Amino acid sequence: ADGTNVHAFDDPELFKYPIAYLSEPGYWYPSDSEVLGLREYLQKGGFLIADDFHFPEEWRVFEQAIRRVIPTARIDRLELSHPIFNSFFTIKSLHVPYPGRLGEQGLMGEFYAIHEENDDKRPVQVIINYNIDLGDYVEWSAESLYNPQSTNEAYKFMINYLVYGLTH
């Protein structure tokens, strides 16, 4: 579409972008060609943000797909001390509610990563936002739809991801 940069993972145009964003990965069923394209993208230093999923079934679908891309991937739960949370803003808490009703009911974000060669001293290739939809906070920030404090925190996470993805 004109004015967008939405690409399939097997589109050679993707290699023009150091950062890719995958929304709703709980419904992601990549083709064999997309699996190979994303694998090559990540191997060449691309950085993937997976955001906006929260049901256990969605985690299962995502994990099956990402393991096709990186069969040996170890998915590490991140602690606040991880460098990605201090790449621009200093994130003070990983306690961020899911936007809207689910967050009000207590659903809190969880943050995971796949590091190069499964070595947590190496750069993150894939950041995984589970039980959270940071993109929704950002998308609707002008509408005051969600708690401003949570919206501000979501921006900090996303800016940190962008800075990290551009510098690692």
Protein backbone atom coordinates (compact mmCIF):
# COMPACT_ATOMS: atom_id res chain seq x y z
CA ALA A 1 0.00 0.00 0.00
CA ASP A 2 1.20 3.53 -0.69
CA GLY A 3 2.64 5.32 2.28
CA THR A 4 3.29 2.22 4.34
CA ASN A 5 6.22 -0.04 4.89
CA VAL A 6 4.39 -3.27 5.68
CA HIS A 7 6.35 -6.21 4.32
CA ALA A 8 6.13 -9.98 4.41
CA PHE A 9 9.12 -11.67 5.97
CA ASP A 10 10.16 -13.01 2.56
CA ASP A 11 10.08 -9.57 0.91
CA PRO A 12 13.63 -8.44 0.00
CA GLU A 13 12.53 -4.87 0.88
CA LEU A 14 12.56 -5.91 4.55
CA PHE A 15 16.36 -5.82 4.49
CA LYS A 16 16.21 -2.04 4.11
CA TYR A 17 14.93 -1.81 7.69
CA PRO A 18 17.01 -2.72 10.75
CA ILE A 19 13.90 -3.18 12.91
CA ALA A 20 10.73 -5.15 12.18
CA TYR A 21 7.53 -5.11 14.23
CA LEU A 22 5.24 -8.15 14.38
CA SER A 23 1.81 -7.40 15.83
CA GLU A 24 -0.46 -10.17 17.13
CA PRO A 25 2.08 -13.00 16.72
CA GLY A 26 -0.42 -15.35 18.34
CA TYR A 27 -2.04 -15.58 14.89
CA TRP A 28 1.21 -15.89 12.93
CA TYR A 29 1.47 -18.82 10.55
CA PRO A 30 4.48 -18.01 8.33
CA SER A 31 5.01 -19.80 5.03
CA ASP A 32 8.23 -21.72 4.48
CA SER A 33 9.48 -18.80 2.39
CA GLU A 34 8.70 -16.31 5.19
CA VAL A 35 10.46 -18.55 7.74
CA LEU A 36 13.60 -18.54 5.60
CA GLY A 37 13.33 -14.79 4.93
CA LEU A 38 13.00 -13.91 8.61
CA ARG A 39 15.84 -16.28 9.54
CA GLU A 40 18.13 -14.56 7.04
CA TYR A 41 16.98 -11.12 8.23
CA LEU A 42 17.83 -11.97 11.84
CA GLN A 43 21.13 -13.61 10.91
CA LYS A 44 22.15 -10.42 9.11
CA GLY A 45 21.49 -8.36 12.23
CA GLY A 46 17.80 -7.52 11.92
CA PHE A 47 15.88 -6.93 15.15
CA LEU A 48 12.30 -8.17 15.62
CA ILE A 49 9.76 -6.79 18.09
CA ALA A 50 6.89 -9.25 18.74
CA ASP A 51 4.04 -7.47 20.51
CA ASP A 52 0.36 -7.80 21.40
CA PHE A 53 -0.58 -11.29 22.46
CA HIS A 54 -1.77 -12.75 25.71
CA PHE A 55 -3.63 -16.05 25.61
CA PRO A 56 -1.70 -19.31 26.23
CA GLU A 57 -2.89 -20.55 22.82
CA GLU A 58 -1.43 -17.41 21.23
CA TRP A 59 1.90 -18.07 22.96
CA ARG A 60 1.85 -21.64 21.58
CA VAL A 61 1.22 -20.43 18.03
CA PHE A 62 3.98 -17.81 18.31
CA GLU A 63 6.47 -20.23 19.82
CA GLN A 64 5.83 -22.82 17.10
CA ALA A 65 6.39 -20.19 14.41
CA ILE A 66 9.52 -18.64 15.92
CA ARG A 67 11.02 -22.11 16.45
CA ARG A 68 10.61 -22.72 12.73
CA VAL A 69 12.63 -19.53 12.17
CA ILE A 70 15.26 -20.24 14.85
CA PRO A 71 14.95 -23.95 15.72
CA THR A 72 17.49 -23.81 18.56
CA ALA A 73 16.15 -20.59 20.09
CA ARG A 74 16.17 -20.28 23.84
CA ILE A 75 13.49 -17.86 24.99
CA ASP A 76 14.74 -16.03 28.08
CA ARG A 77 12.50 -14.12 30.46
CA LEU A 78 14.07 -10.71 30.91
CA GLU A 79 14.79 -9.00 34.20
CA LEU A 80 14.78 -5.25 34.71
CA SER A 81 18.59 -5.29 34.70
CA HIS A 82 18.74 -6.28 31.01
CA PRO A 83 20.51 -3.57 28.92
CA ILE A 84 17.51 -3.22 26.59
CA PHE A 85 15.60 -1.58 29.44
CA ASN A 86 18.30 1.06 29.83
CA SER A 87 19.24 1.78 26.21
CA PHE A 88 17.77 5.30 26.28
CA PHE A 89 15.25 5.64 29.10
CA THR A 90 15.81 3.96 32.43
CA ILE A 91 12.84 1.65 32.84
CA LYS A 92 12.04 1.52 36.53
CA SER A 93 9.55 -1.37 36.52
CA LEU A 94 8.42 -4.20 34.28
CA HIS A 95 5.04 -4.03 36.01
CA VAL A 96 3.02 -2.63 33.08
CA PRO A 97 -0.66 -3.56 32.69
CA TYR A 98 -2.20 -4.80 29.48
CA PRO A 99 -4.22 -1.90 27.98
CA GLY A 100 -7.84 -1.56 29.02
CA ARG A 101 -10.04 -4.07 30.79
CA LEU A 102 -7.53 -6.93 30.93
CA GLY A 103 -4.94 -4.72 32.61
CA GLU A 104 -7.54 -3.39 35.02
CA GLN A 105 -8.24 -7.04 35.90
CA GLY A 106 -4.55 -7.57 36.67
CA LEU A 107 -2.97 -8.86 33.44
CA MET A 108 0.64 -7.61 33.50
CA GLY A 109 3.22 -7.62 30.75
CA GLU A 110 6.01 -10.19 30.57
CA PHE A 111 9.15 -9.56 28.56
CA TYR A 112 11.22 -12.23 26.84
CA ALA A 113 14.09 -12.29 24.39
CA ILE A 114 15.98 -14.52 22.01
CA HIS A 115 19.67 -13.61 22.06
CA GLU A 116 22.17 -14.31 19.28
CA GLU A 117 23.53 -17.85 19.69
CA ASN A 118 21.42 -18.23 22.88
CA ASP A 119 24.07 -16.22 24.73
CA ASP A 120 22.54 -13.58 26.99
CA LYS A 121 25.77 -11.57 26.71
CA ARG A 122 25.15 -11.25 22.95
CA PRO A 123 22.60 -8.90 21.37
CA VAL A 124 18.87 -9.59 21.41
CA GLN A 125 17.52 -10.69 18.02
CA VAL A 126 13.87 -10.91 19.07
CA ILE A 127 12.18 -8.99 21.88
CA ILE A 128 8.88 -10.57 22.92
CA ASN A 129 6.18 -8.57 24.69
CA TYR A 130 3.75 -11.12 26.14
CA ASN A 131 0.61 -10.24 28.09
CA ILE A 132 1.05 -6.68 26.87
CA ASP A 133 0.23 -4.56 23.84
CA LEU A 134 2.72 -1.70 23.89
CA GLY A 135 1.70 -0.79 20.34
CA ASP A 136 -1.88 -0.20 21.43
CA TYR A 137 -0.78 2.29 24.07
CA VAL A 138 1.28 4.14 21.47
CA GLU A 139 -1.38 3.96 18.75
CA TRP A 140 -4.11 5.44 20.94
CA SER A 141 -2.04 7.86 23.02
CA ALA A 142 -3.60 10.97 21.46
CA GLU A 143 -7.09 9.74 22.41
CA SER A 144 -6.39 9.46 26.18
CA LEU A 145 -7.93 6.00 25.96
CA TYR A 146 -5.60 4.49 28.56
CA ASN A 147 -3.93 5.50 31.79
CA PRO A 148 -1.36 8.21 30.92
CA GLN A 149 1.29 6.70 33.20
CA SER A 150 1.07 3.33 31.43
CA THR A 151 1.01 5.04 28.03
CA ASN A 152 4.15 7.01 28.93
CA GLU A 153 5.87 3.80 30.06
CA ALA A 154 4.91 2.07 26.80
CA TYR A 155 6.60 4.85 24.85
CA LYS A 156 9.75 4.41 26.95
CA PHE A 157 9.83 0.68 26.19
CA MET A 158 9.28 1.23 22.46
CA ILE A 159 11.90 3.99 22.21
CA ASN A 160 14.35 1.78 24.09
CA TYR A 161 13.67 -1.04 21.64
CA LEU A 162 14.28 1.28 18.69
CA VAL A 163 17.53 2.64 20.13
CA TYR A 164 18.67 -0.88 21.02
CA GLY A 165 17.73 -2.25 17.59
CA LEU A 166 19.65 0.54 15.86
CA THR A 167 22.77 0.20 18.00
CA HIS A 168 23.25 -3.56 18.47
